[in-house]
Amino acid sequence: MTSNSRPISITVVAWIFIAVGVIAFVWNFPGVLQLQKGAFAIELVELIGLTAGIFMLRRQNWARWLALAWAAFHLIITLVPPFHGLAVHLIIFAGIAVLLLRADASRYFRGTETL
């Protein structure tokens, strides 16, 4: 891998964050229009995920950490009883963490190449 090539794992994760951010934003937007409690916070969280995806494609290391924080936040909110989705969120978080913290991902975000 050269320093200019993006690992496919980063491309896939970034586009998933972009897709989830856009779809969830559109899905939850009627709540903003109806001034529902918490709707603005939900939309802000979705925009954060979208931002992480976009800037991971632009090789911004902070976006990788933002994506991990976003996924961790979703895992943490499932810890509130009755624990709906805890196992699924745990598996998703672990998968994202593995993909974003791999050596090839670190090299990509650092912009360095190994020979």
PDB file of N, CA and C in Angstrom:
ATOM      1  N   MET A   1       0.843  -1.179   0.000  1.00  0.00           N
ATOM      2  CA  MET A   1       0.000   0.000   0.000  1.00  0.00           C
ATOM      3  C   MET A   1       0.883   1.234   0.000  1.00  0.00           C
ATOM      4  N   THR A   2       0.601   2.166  -0.861  1.00  0.00           N
ATOM      5  CA  THR A   2       1.334   3.421  -0.851  1.00  0.00           C
ATOM      6  C   THR A   2       0.643   4.382   0.091  1.00  0.00           C
ATOM      7  N   SER A   3       1.342   5.446   0.424  1.00  0.00           N
ATOM      8  CA  SER A   3       0.771   6.398   1.372  1.00  0.00           C
ATOM      9  C   SER A   3      -0.441   7.121   0.789  1.00  0.00           C
ATOM     10  N   ASN A   4      -0.592   7.080  -0.536  1.00  0.00           N
ATOM     11  CA  ASN A   4      -1.711   7.768  -1.161  1.00  0.00           C
ATOM     12  C   ASN A   4      -2.942   6.886  -1.313  1.00  0.00           C
ATOM     13  N   SER A   5      -2.797   5.584  -1.116  1.00  0.00           N
ATOM     14  CA  SER A   5      -3.956   4.711  -1.314  1.00  0.00           C
ATOM     15  C   SER A   5      -4.698   4.486  -0.003  1.00  0.00           C
ATOM     16  N   ARG A   6      -5.997   4.603  -0.098  1.00  0.00           N
ATOM     17  CA  ARG A   6      -6.845   4.431   1.080  1.00  0.00           C
ATOM     18  C   ARG A   6      -7.203   2.965   1.209  1.00  0.00           C
ATOM     19  N   PRO A   7      -7.030   2.385   2.406  1.00  0.00           N
ATOM     20  CA  PRO A   7      -7.454   0.990   2.605  1.00  0.00           C
ATOM     21  C   PRO A   7      -8.955   0.858   2.343  1.00  0.00           C
ATOM     22  N   ILE A   8      -9.342  -0.243   1.745  1.00  0.00           N
ATOM     23  CA  ILE A   8     -10.753  -0.478   1.441  1.00  0.00           C
ATOM     24  C   ILE A   8     -11.590  -0.461   2.724  1.00  0.00           C
ATOM     25  N   SER A   9     -11.011  -0.912   3.837  1.00  0.00           N
ATOM     26  CA  SER A   9     -11.751  -0.913   5.101  1.00  0.00           C
ATOM     27  C   SER A   9     -12.131   0.503   5.527  1.00  0.00           C
ATOM     28  N   ILE A  10     -11.239   1.461   5.296  1.00  0.00           N
ATOM     29  CA  ILE A  10     -11.537   2.851   5.642  1.00  0.00           C
ATOM     30  C   ILE A  10     -12.630   3.390   4.722  1.00  0.00           C
ATOM     31  N   THR A  11     -12.530   3.072   3.449  1.00  0.00           N
ATOM     32  CA  THR A  11     -13.553   3.520   2.492  1.00  0.00           C
ATOM     33  C   THR A  11     -14.920   2.990   2.883  1.00  0.00           C
ATOM     34  N   VAL A  12     -14.987   1.710   3.209  1.00  0.00           N
ATOM     35  CA  VAL A  12     -16.268   1.094   3.574  1.00  0.00           C
ATOM     36  C   VAL A  12     -16.825   1.713   4.853  1.00  0.00           C
ATOM     37  N   VAL A  13     -15.998   1.819   5.882  1.00  0.00           N
ATOM     38  CA  VAL A  13     -16.468   2.385   7.155  1.00  0.00           C
ATOM     39  C   VAL A  13     -16.910   3.832   6.963  1.00  0.00           C
ATOM     40  N   ALA A  14     -16.128   4.605   6.233  1.00  0.00           N
ATOM     41  CA  ALA A  14     -16.473   6.015   6.016  1.00  0.00           C
ATOM     42  C   ALA A  14     -17.809   6.144   5.297  1.00  0.00           C
ATOM     43  N   TRP A  15     -18.017   5.346   4.247  1.00  0.00           N
ATOM     44  CA  TRP A  15     -19.282   5.432   3.516  1.00  0.00           C
ATOM     45  C   TRP A  15     -20.460   4.926   4.343  1.00  0.00           C
ATOM     46  N   ILE A  16     -20.214   3.976   5.224  1.00  0.00           N
ATOM     47  CA  ILE A  16     -21.291   3.543   6.129  1.00  0.00           C
ATOM     48  C   ILE A  16     -21.677   4.679   7.065  1.00  0.00           C
ATOM     49  N   PHE A  17     -20.681   5.381   7.602  1.00  0.00           N
ATOM     50  CA  PHE A  17     -20.969   6.527   8.469  1.00  0.00           C
ATOM     51  C   PHE A  17     -21.726   7.606   7.701  1.00  0.00           C
ATOM     52  N   ILE A  18     -21.327   7.850   6.466  1.00  0.00           N
ATOM     53  CA  ILE A  18     -22.016   8.856   5.649  1.00  0.00           C
ATOM     54  C   ILE A  18     -23.458   8.429   5.404  1.00  0.00           C
ATOM     55  N   ALA A  19     -23.656   7.183   5.006  1.00  0.00           N
ATOM     56  CA  ALA A  19     -25.008   6.688   4.716  1.00  0.00           C
ATOM     57  C   ALA A  19     -25.890   6.717   5.960  1.00  0.00           C
ATOM     58  N   VAL A  20     -25.360   6.222   7.071  1.00  0.00           N
ATOM     59  CA  VAL A  20     -26.141   6.217   8.315  1.00  0.00           C
ATOM     60  C   VAL A  20     -26.463   7.644   8.744  1.00  0.00           C
ATOM     61  N   GLY A  21     -25.489   8.539   8.631  1.00  0.00           N
ATOM     62  CA  GLY A  21     -25.715   9.936   9.003  1.00  0.00           C
ATOM     63  C   GLY A  21     -26.813  10.584   8.178  1.00  0.00           C
ATOM     64  N   VAL A  22     -26.763  10.390   6.862  1.00  0.00           N
ATOM     65  CA  VAL A  22     -27.764  10.995   5.974  1.00  0.00           C
ATOM     66  C   VAL A  22     -29.137  10.367   6.192  1.00  0.00           C
ATOM     67  N   ILE A  23     -29.186   9.038   6.202  1.00  0.00           N
ATOM     68  CA  ILE A  23     -30.477   8.357   6.359  1.00  0.00           C
ATOM     69  C   ILE A  23     -31.122   8.689   7.702  1.00  0.00           C
ATOM     70  N   ALA A  24     -30.337   8.639   8.774  1.00  0.00           N
ATOM     71  CA  ALA A  24     -30.894   8.937  10.095  1.00  0.00           C
ATOM     72  C   ALA A  24     -31.312  10.400  10.209  1.00  0.00           C
ATOM     73  N   PHE A  25     -30.537  11.297   9.585  1.00  0.00           N
ATOM     74  CA  PHE A  25     -30.899  12.714   9.618  1.00  0.00           C
ATOM     75  C   PHE A  25     -32.247  12.932   8.945  1.00  0.00           C
ATOM     76  N   VAL A  26     -32.412  12.363   7.762  1.00  0.00           N
ATOM     77  CA  VAL A  26     -33.674  12.510   7.024  1.00  0.00           C
ATOM     78  C   VAL A  26     -34.817  11.839   7.789  1.00  0.00           C
ATOM     79  N   TRP A  27     -34.550  10.661   8.335  1.00  0.00           N
ATOM     80  CA  TRP A  27     -35.574   9.910   9.067  1.00  0.00           C
ATOM     81  C   TRP A  27     -36.071  10.687  10.290  1.00  0.00           C
ATOM     82  N   ASN A  28     -35.157  11.329  10.994  1.00  0.00           N
ATOM     83  CA  ASN A  28     -35.511  12.016  12.243  1.00  0.00           C
ATOM     84  C   ASN A  28     -35.882  13.481  12.056  1.00  0.00           C
ATOM     85  N   PHE A  29     -35.725  14.020  10.855  1.00  0.00           N
ATOM     86  CA  PHE A  29     -35.969  15.443  10.639  1.00  0.00           C
ATOM     87  C   PHE A  29     -37.407  15.885  10.934  1.00  0.00           C
ATOM     88  N   PRO A  30     -38.422  15.064  10.666  1.00  0.00           N
ATOM     89  CA  PRO A  30     -39.778  15.502  11.028  1.00  0.00           C
ATOM     90  C   PRO A  30     -39.915  15.873  12.508  1.00  0.00           C
ATOM     91  N   GLY A  31     -39.146  15.240  13.370  1.00  0.00           N
ATOM     92  CA  GLY A  31     -39.181  15.600  14.790  1.00  0.00           C
ATOM     93  C   GLY A  31     -38.713  17.015  15.045  1.00  0.00           C
ATOM     94  N   VAL A  32     -37.759  17.483  14.249  1.00  0.00           N
ATOM     95  CA  VAL A  32     -37.289  18.871  14.362  1.00  0.00           C
ATOM     96  C   VAL A  32     -38.413  19.812  13.942  1.00  0.00           C
ATOM     97  N   LEU A  33     -39.070  19.488  12.849  1.00  0.00           N
ATOM     98  CA  LEU A  33     -40.155  20.345  12.361  1.00  0.00           C
ATOM     99  C   LEU A  33     -41.319  20.406  13.344  1.00  0.00           C
ATOM    100  N   GLN A  34     -41.517  19.313  14.089  1.00  0.00           N
ATOM    101  CA  GLN A  34     -42.592  19.278  15.077  1.00  0.00           C
ATOM    102  C   GLN A  34     -42.122  19.751  16.449  1.00  0.00           C
ATOM    103  N   LEU A  35     -40.870  20.201  16.518  1.00  0.00           N
ATOM    104  CA  LEU A  35     -40.270  20.704  17.760  1.00  0.00           C
ATOM    105  C   LEU A  35     -40.347  19.688  18.898  1.00  0.00           C
ATOM    106  N   GLN A  36     -40.108  18.416  18.554  1.00  0.00           N
ATOM    107  CA  GLN A  36     -40.126  17.361  19.563  1.00  0.00           C
ATOM    108  C   GLN A  36     -38.904  17.495  20.473  1.00  0.00           C
ATOM    109  N   LYS A  37     -39.115  17.124  21.727  1.00  0.00           N
ATOM    110  CA  LYS A  37     -38.042  17.174  22.708  1.00  0.00           C
ATOM    111  C   LYS A  37     -36.896  16.243  22.283  1.00  0.00           C
ATOM    112  N   GLY A  38     -35.702  16.755  22.271  1.00  0.00           N
ATOM    113  CA  GLY A  38     -34.526  15.965  21.940  1.00  0.00           C
ATOM    114  C   GLY A  38     -34.234  15.831  20.460  1.00  0.00           C
ATOM    115  N   ALA A  39     -35.106  16.362  19.606  1.00  0.00           N
ATOM    116  CA  ALA A  39     -34.932  16.199  18.161  1.00  0.00           C
ATOM    117  C   ALA A  39     -33.670  16.884  17.659  1.00  0.00           C
ATOM    118  N   PHE A  40     -33.374  18.059  18.182  1.00  0.00           N
ATOM    119  CA  PHE A  40     -32.178  18.770  17.737  1.00  0.00           C
ATOM    120  C   PHE A  40     -30.909  18.026  18.149  1.00  0.00           C
ATOM    121  N   ALA A  41     -30.916  17.460  19.333  1.00  0.00           N
ATOM    122  CA  ALA A  41     -29.756  16.691  19.806  1.00  0.00           C
ATOM    123  C   ALA A  41     -29.547  15.445  18.942  1.00  0.00           C
ATOM    124  N   ILE A  42     -30.628  14.784  18.593  1.00  0.00           N
ATOM    125  CA  ILE A  42     -30.532  13.599  17.734  1.00  0.00           C
ATOM    126  C   ILE A  42     -29.940  13.983  16.388  1.00  0.00           C
ATOM    127  N   GLU A  43     -30.411  15.071  15.817  1.00  0.00           N
ATOM    128  CA  GLU A  43     -29.900  15.506  14.518  1.00  0.00           C
ATOM    129  C   GLU A  43     -28.425  15.904  14.606  1.00  0.00           C
ATOM    130  N   LEU A  44     -28.039  16.518  15.703  1.00  0.00           N
ATOM    131  CA  LEU A  44     -26.635  16.874  15.895  1.00  0.00           C
ATOM    132  C   LEU A  44     -25.758  15.629  15.934  1.00  0.00           C
ATOM    133  N   VAL A  45     -26.211  14.607  16.619  1.00  0.00           N
ATOM    134  CA  VAL A  45     -25.467  13.343  16.685  1.00  0.00           C
ATOM    135  C   VAL A  45     -25.335  12.728  15.290  1.00  0.00           C
ATOM    136  N   GLU A  46     -26.389  12.783  14.503  1.00  0.00           N
ATOM    137  CA  GLU A  46     -26.325  12.234  13.147  1.00  0.00           C
ATOM    138  C   GLU A  46     -25.375  13.043  12.276  1.00  0.00           C
ATOM    139  N   LEU A  47     -25.358  14.349  12.448  1.00  0.00           N
ATOM    140  CA  LEU A  47     -24.420  15.187  11.688  1.00  0.00           C
ATOM    141  C   LEU A  47     -22.971  14.911  12.081  1.00  0.00           C
ATOM    142  N   ILE A  48     -22.750  14.570  13.337  1.00  0.00           N
ATOM    143  CA  ILE A  48     -21.398  14.225  13.783  1.00  0.00           C
ATOM    144  C   ILE A  48     -20.934  12.947  13.086  1.00  0.00           C
ATOM    145  N   GLY A  49     -21.798  11.951  12.985  1.00  0.00           N
ATOM    146  CA  GLY A  49     -21.448  10.726  12.274  1.00  0.00           C
ATOM    147  C   GLY A  49     -21.170  10.991  10.806  1.00  0.00           C
ATOM    148  N   LEU A  50     -21.994  11.805  10.186  1.00  0.00           N
ATOM    149  CA  LEU A  50     -21.798  12.183   8.784  1.00  0.00           C
ATOM    150  C   LEU A  50     -20.464  12.896   8.599  1.00  0.00           C
ATOM    151  N   THR A  51     -20.159  13.820   9.493  1.00  0.00           N
ATOM    152  CA  THR A  51     -18.892  14.560   9.438  1.00  0.00           C
ATOM    153  C   THR A  51     -17.703  13.618   9.566  1.00  0.00           C
ATOM    154  N   ALA A  52     -17.783  12.677  10.480  1.00  0.00           N
ATOM    155  CA  ALA A  52     -16.693  11.710  10.655  1.00  0.00           C
ATOM    156  C   ALA A  52     -16.462  10.937   9.367  1.00  0.00           C
ATOM    157  N   GLY A  53     -17.522  10.491   8.724  1.00  0.00           N
ATOM    158  CA  GLY A  53     -17.387   9.738   7.480  1.00  0.00           C
ATOM    159  C   GLY A  53     -16.756  10.554   6.371  1.00  0.00           C
ATOM    160  N   ILE A  54     -17.226  11.763   6.194  1.00  0.00           N
ATOM    161  CA  ILE A  54     -16.699  12.628   5.134  1.00  0.00           C
ATOM    162  C   ILE A  54     -15.208  12.893   5.345  1.00  0.00           C
ATOM    163  N   PHE A  55     -14.835  13.224   6.561  1.00  0.00           N
ATOM    164  CA  PHE A  55     -13.442  13.603   6.791  1.00  0.00           C
ATOM    165  C   PHE A  55     -12.503  12.403   6.911  1.00  0.00           C
ATOM    166  N   MET A  56     -13.043  11.210   7.169  1.00  0.00           N
ATOM    167  CA  MET A  56     -12.189  10.024   7.065  1.00  0.00           C
ATOM    168  C   MET A  56     -11.777   9.812   5.610  1.00  0.00           C
ATOM    169  N   LEU A  57     -12.690  10.071   4.686  1.00  0.00           N
ATOM    170  CA  LEU A  57     -12.351   9.965   3.269  1.00  0.00           C
ATOM    171  C   LEU A  57     -11.316  11.011   2.869  1.00  0.00           C
ATOM    172  N   ARG A  58     -11.270  12.109   3.613  1.00  0.00           N
ATOM    173  CA  ARG A  58     -10.317  13.189   3.340  1.00  0.00           C
ATOM    174  C   ARG A  58      -9.020  13.047   4.147  1.00  0.00           C
ATOM    175  N   ARG A  59      -8.846  11.864   4.745  1.00  0.00           N
ATOM    176  CA  ARG A  59      -7.621  11.477   5.434  1.00  0.00           C
ATOM    177  C   ARG A  59      -7.335  12.305   6.699  1.00  0.00           C
ATOM    178  N   GLN A  60      -8.374  12.661   7.403  1.00  0.00           N
ATOM    179  CA  GLN A  60      -8.220  13.416   8.640  1.00  0.00           C
ATOM    180  C   GLN A  60      -8.240  12.451   9.832  1.00  0.00           C
ATOM    181  N   ASN A  61      -7.124  12.369  10.519  1.00  0.00           N
ATOM    182  CA  ASN A  61      -6.996  11.427  11.628  1.00  0.00           C
ATOM    183  C   ASN A  61      -8.018  11.696  12.734  1.00  0.00           C
ATOM    184  N   TRP A  62      -8.308  12.972  12.993  1.00  0.00           N
ATOM    185  CA  TRP A  62      -9.283  13.293  14.040  1.00  0.00           C
ATOM    186  C   TRP A  62     -10.648  12.683  13.723  1.00  0.00           C
ATOM    187  N   ALA A  63     -10.966  12.519  12.440  1.00  0.00           N
ATOM    188  CA  ALA A  63     -12.264  11.964  12.050  1.00  0.00           C
ATOM    189  C   ALA A  63     -12.359  10.491  12.426  1.00  0.00           C
ATOM    190  N   ARG A  64     -11.225   9.791  12.371  1.00  0.00           N
ATOM    191  CA  ARG A  64     -11.210   8.382  12.792  1.00  0.00           C
ATOM    192  C   ARG A  64     -11.584   8.290  14.269  1.00  0.00           C
ATOM    193  N   TRP A  65     -11.014   9.177  15.082  1.00  0.00           N
ATOM    194  CA  TRP A  65     -11.303   9.165  16.519  1.00  0.00           C
ATOM    195  C   TRP A  65     -12.719   9.653  16.801  1.00  0.00           C
ATOM    196  N   LEU A  66     -13.203  10.593  16.002  1.00  0.00           N
ATOM    197  CA  LEU A  66     -14.586  11.042  16.136  1.00  0.00           C
ATOM    198  C   LEU A  66     -15.547   9.900  15.822  1.00  0.00           C
ATOM    199  N   ALA A  67     -15.237   9.120  14.802  1.00  0.00           N
ATOM    200  CA  ALA A  67     -16.077   7.972  14.452  1.00  0.00           C
ATOM    201  C   ALA A  67     -16.107   6.950  15.589  1.00  0.00           C
ATOM    202  N   LEU A  68     -14.957   6.699  16.178  1.00  0.00           N
ATOM    203  CA  LEU A  68     -14.911   5.770  17.319  1.00  0.00           C
ATOM    204  C   LEU A  68     -15.709   6.316  18.502  1.00  0.00           C
ATOM    205  N   ALA A  69     -15.584   7.614  18.760  1.00  0.00           N
ATOM    206  CA  ALA A  69     -16.345   8.231  19.853  1.00  0.00           C
ATOM    207  C   ALA A  69     -17.844   8.160  19.574  1.00  0.00           C
ATOM    208  N   TRP A  70     -18.227   8.374  18.322  1.00  0.00           N
ATOM    209  CA  TRP A  70     -19.632   8.305  17.916  1.00  0.00           C
ATOM    210  C   TRP A  70     -20.175   6.902  18.155  1.00  0.00           C
ATOM    211  N   ALA A  71     -19.410   5.897  17.744  1.00  0.00           N
ATOM    212  CA  ALA A  71     -19.832   4.508  17.939  1.00  0.00           C
ATOM    213  C   ALA A  71     -19.884   4.161  19.428  1.00  0.00           C
ATOM    214  N   ALA A  72     -18.902   4.647  20.186  1.00  0.00           N
ATOM    215  CA  ALA A  72     -18.889   4.402  21.636  1.00  0.00           C
ATOM    216  C   ALA A  72     -20.099   5.053  22.310  1.00  0.00           C
ATOM    217  N   PHE A  73     -20.451   6.246  21.871  1.00  0.00           N
ATOM    218  CA  PHE A  73     -21.628   6.935  22.412  1.00  0.00           C
ATOM    219  C   PHE A  73     -22.884   6.083  22.203  1.00  0.00           C
ATOM    220  N   HIS A  74     -23.025   5.526  21.006  1.00  0.00           N
ATOM    221  CA  HIS A  74     -24.190   4.680  20.739  1.00  0.00           C
ATOM    222  C   HIS A  74     -24.166   3.406  21.586  1.00  0.00           C
ATOM    223  N   LEU A  75     -22.989   2.897  21.846  1.00  0.00           N
ATOM    224  CA  LEU A  75     -22.870   1.733  22.720  1.00  0.00           C
ATOM    225  C   LEU A  75     -23.260   2.112  24.149  1.00  0.00           C
ATOM    226  N   ILE A  76     -22.795   3.251  24.610  1.00  0.00           N
ATOM    227  CA  ILE A  76     -23.065   3.686  25.982  1.00  0.00           C
ATOM    228  C   ILE A  76     -24.558   3.927  26.208  1.00  0.00           C
ATOM    229  N   ILE A  77     -25.235   4.520  25.227  1.00  0.00           N
ATOM    230  CA  ILE A  77     -26.665   4.785  25.455  1.00  0.00           C
ATOM    231  C   ILE A  77     -27.496   3.507  25.458  1.00  0.00           C
ATOM    232  N   THR A  78     -26.942   2.409  24.957  1.00  0.00           N
ATOM    233  CA  THR A  78     -27.668   1.134  25.050  1.00  0.00           C
ATOM    234  C   THR A  78     -27.473   0.484  26.416  1.00  0.00           C
ATOM    235  N   LEU A  79     -26.608   1.046  27.246  1.00  0.00           N
ATOM    236  CA  LEU A  79     -26.393   0.503  28.593  1.00  0.00           C
ATOM    237  C   LEU A  79     -27.500   0.899  29.563  1.00  0.00           C
ATOM    238  N   VAL A  80     -28.373   1.780  29.117  1.00  0.00           N
ATOM    239  CA  VAL A  80     -29.514   2.179  29.945  1.00  0.00           C
ATOM    240  C   VAL A  80     -30.551   1.069  29.859  1.00  0.00           C
ATOM    241  N   PRO A  81     -30.983   0.532  31.006  1.00  0.00           N
ATOM    242  CA  PRO A  81     -31.985  -0.541  30.953  1.00  0.00           C
ATOM    243  C   PRO A  81     -33.190  -0.125  30.135  1.00  0.00           C
ATOM    244  N   PRO A  82     -33.729  -0.992  29.347  1.00  0.00           N
ATOM    245  CA  PRO A  82     -33.651  -2.445  29.327  1.00  0.00           C
ATOM    246  C   PRO A  82     -32.607  -3.019  28.367  1.00  0.00           C
ATOM    247  N   PHE A  83     -31.577  -2.299  28.034  1.00  0.00           N
ATOM    248  CA  PHE A  83     -30.435  -2.800  27.254  1.00  0.00           C
ATOM    249  C   PHE A  83     -30.800  -3.247  25.840  1.00  0.00           C
ATOM    250  N   HIS A  84     -31.746  -2.563  25.213  1.00  0.00           N
ATOM    251  CA  HIS A  84     -32.126  -2.906  23.839  1.00  0.00           C
ATOM    252  C   HIS A  84     -30.972  -2.625  22.894  1.00  0.00           C
ATOM    253  N   GLY A  85     -30.582  -3.628  22.152  1.00  0.00           N
ATOM    254  CA  GLY A  85     -29.548  -3.452  21.144  1.00  0.00           C
ATOM    255  C   GLY A  85     -28.126  -3.484  21.661  1.00  0.00           C
ATOM    256  N   LEU A  86     -27.920  -3.842  22.907  1.00  0.00           N
ATOM    257  CA  LEU A  86     -26.578  -3.824  23.479  1.00  0.00           C
ATOM    258  C   LEU A  86     -25.625  -4.755  22.729  1.00  0.00           C
ATOM    259  N   ALA A  87     -26.039  -5.973  22.494  1.00  0.00           N
ATOM    260  CA  ALA A  87     -25.164  -6.937  21.818  1.00  0.00           C
ATOM    261  C   ALA A  87     -24.833  -6.480  20.403  1.00  0.00           C
ATOM    262  N   VAL A  88     -25.826  -5.984  19.694  1.00  0.00           N
ATOM    263  CA  VAL A  88     -25.609  -5.517  18.330  1.00  0.00           C
ATOM    264  C   VAL A  88     -24.655  -4.332  18.322  1.00  0.00           C
ATOM    265  N   HIS A  89     -24.880  -3.365  19.206  1.00  0.00           N
ATOM    266  CA  HIS A  89     -24.005  -2.196  19.266  1.00  0.00           C
ATOM    267  C   HIS A  89     -22.586  -2.579  19.688  1.00  0.00           C
ATOM    268  N   LEU A  90     -22.468  -3.541  20.564  1.00  0.00           N
ATOM    269  CA  LEU A  90     -21.144  -3.999  20.988  1.00  0.00           C
ATOM    270  C   LEU A  90     -20.390  -4.628  19.815  1.00  0.00           C
ATOM    271  N   ILE A  91     -21.061  -5.446  19.045  1.00  0.00           N
ATOM    272  CA  ILE A  91     -20.432  -6.079  17.878  1.00  0.00           C
ATOM    273  C   ILE A  91     -20.055  -5.027  16.834  1.00  0.00           C
ATOM    274  N   ILE A  92     -20.951  -4.084  16.581  1.00  0.00           N
ATOM    275  CA  ILE A  92     -20.668  -3.031  15.602  1.00  0.00           C
ATOM    276  C   ILE A  92     -19.490  -2.183  16.064  1.00  0.00           C
ATOM    277  N   PHE A  93     -19.476  -1.801  17.342  1.00  0.00           N
ATOM    278  CA  PHE A  93     -18.372  -0.997  17.861  1.00  0.00           C
ATOM    279  C   PHE A  93     -17.052  -1.743  17.733  1.00  0.00           C
ATOM    280  N   ALA A  94     -17.044  -3.012  18.095  1.00  0.00           N
ATOM    281  CA  ALA A  94     -15.813  -3.805  18.004  1.00  0.00           C
ATOM    282  C   ALA A  94     -15.326  -3.881  16.557  1.00  0.00           C
ATOM    283  N   GLY A  95     -16.245  -4.092  15.627  1.00  0.00           N
ATOM    284  CA  GLY A  95     -15.866  -4.155  14.213  1.00  0.00           C
ATOM    285  C   GLY A  95     -15.294  -2.846  13.709  1.00  0.00           C
ATOM    286  N   ILE A  96     -15.930  -1.744  14.063  1.00  0.00           N
ATOM    287  CA  ILE A  96     -15.440  -0.425  13.661  1.00  0.00           C
ATOM    288  C   ILE A  96     -14.072  -0.166  14.271  1.00  0.00           C
ATOM    289  N   ALA A  97     -13.920  -0.489  15.551  1.00  0.00           N
ATOM    290  CA  ALA A  97     -12.637  -0.265  16.229  1.00  0.00           C
ATOM    291  C   ALA A  97     -11.521  -1.071  15.566  1.00  0.00           C
ATOM    292  N   VAL A  98     -11.784  -2.321  15.267  1.00  0.00           N
ATOM    293  CA  VAL A  98     -10.762  -3.157  14.617  1.00  0.00           C
ATOM    294  C   VAL A  98     -10.363  -2.553  13.286  1.00  0.00           C
ATOM    295  N   LEU A  99     -11.335  -2.165  12.483  1.00  0.00           N
ATOM    296  CA  LEU A  99     -11.037  -1.630  11.157  1.00  0.00           C
ATOM    297  C   LEU A  99     -10.321  -0.283  11.208  1.00  0.00           C
ATOM    298  N   LEU A 100     -10.715   0.568  12.134  1.00  0.00           N
ATOM    299  CA  LEU A 100     -10.111   1.908  12.200  1.00  0.00           C
ATOM    300  C   LEU A 100      -8.771   1.937  12.922  1.00  0.00           C
ATOM    301  N   LEU A 101      -8.470   0.905  13.692  1.00  0.00           N
ATOM    302  CA  LEU A 101      -7.216   0.905  14.458  1.00  0.00           C
ATOM    303  C   LEU A 101      -6.177  -0.053  13.888  1.00  0.00           C
ATOM    304  N   ARG A 102      -6.461  -0.666  12.754  1.00  0.00           N
ATOM    305  CA  ARG A 102      -5.491  -1.554  12.114  1.00  0.00           C
ATOM    306  C   ARG A 102      -4.257  -0.766  11.687  1.00  0.00           C
ATOM    307  N   ALA A 103      -3.166  -1.497  11.482  1.00  0.00           N
ATOM    308  CA  ALA A 103      -1.901  -0.858  11.101  1.00  0.00           C
ATOM    309  C   ALA A 103      -2.024  -0.125   9.770  1.00  0.00           C
ATOM    310  N   ASP A 104      -2.714  -0.717   8.793  1.00  0.00           N
ATOM    311  CA  ASP A 104      -2.836  -0.044   7.491  1.00  0.00           C
ATOM    312  C   ASP A 104      -3.654   1.239   7.608  1.00  0.00           C
ATOM    313  N   ALA A 105      -4.648   1.245   8.482  1.00  0.00           N
ATOM    314  CA  ALA A 105      -5.439   2.452   8.705  1.00  0.00           C
ATOM    315  C   ALA A 105      -4.586   3.532   9.372  1.00  0.00           C
ATOM    316  N   SER A 106      -3.792   3.137  10.347  1.00  0.00           N
ATOM    317  CA  SER A 106      -2.915   4.102  11.016  1.00  0.00           C
ATOM    318  C   SER A 106      -1.917   4.715  10.037  1.00  0.00           C
ATOM    319  N   ARG A 107      -1.347   3.884   9.177  1.00  0.00           N
ATOM    320  CA  ARG A 107      -0.412   4.398   8.166  1.00  0.00           C
ATOM    321  C   ARG A 107      -1.122   5.370   7.229  1.00  0.00           C
ATOM    322  N   TYR A 108      -2.318   5.022   6.833  1.00  0.00           N
ATOM    323  CA  TYR A 108      -3.081   5.891   5.933  1.00  0.00           C
ATOM    324  C   TYR A 108      -3.309   7.254   6.565  1.00  0.00           C
ATOM    325  N   PHE A 109      -3.767   7.260   7.806  1.00  0.00           N
ATOM    326  CA  PHE A 109      -4.086   8.534   8.448  1.00  0.00           C
ATOM    327  C   PHE A 109      -2.837   9.340   8.799  1.00  0.00           C
ATOM    328  N   ARG A 110      -1.725   8.651   9.018  1.00  0.00           N
ATOM    329  CA  ARG A 110      -0.450   9.355   9.239  1.00  0.00           C
ATOM    330  C   ARG A 110       0.143   9.848   7.938  1.00  0.00           C
ATOM    331  N   GLY A 111      -0.211   9.200   6.845  1.00  0.00           N
ATOM    332  CA  GLY A 111       0.329   9.579   5.550  1.00  0.00           C
ATOM    333  C   GLY A 111       1.727   9.023   5.322  1.00  0.00           C
ATOM    334  N   THR A 112       2.098   7.975   6.061  1.00  0.00           N
ATOM    335  CA  THR A 112       3.418   7.390   5.888  1.00  0.00           C
ATOM    336  C   THR A 112       3.295   6.052   5.187  1.00  0.00           C
ATOM    337  N   GLU A 113       4.370   5.623   4.644  1.00  0.00           N
ATOM    338  CA  GLU A 113       4.398   4.373   3.893  1.00  0.00           C
ATOM    339  C   GLU A 113       5.539   3.530   4.410  1.00  0.00           C
ATOM    340  N   THR A 114       5.315   2.219   4.493  1.00  0.00           N
ATOM    341  CA  THR A 114       6.375   1.315   4.903  1.00  0.00           C
ATOM    342  C   THR A 114       6.854   0.560   3.690  1.00  0.00           C
ATOM    343  N   LEU A 115       8.159   0.327   3.624  1.00  0.00           N
ATOM    344  CA  LEU A 115       8.727  -0.416   2.485  1.00  0.00           C
ATOM    345  C   LEU A 115       9.046  -1.823   2.866  1.00  0.00           C
TER     346      LEU A 115
END
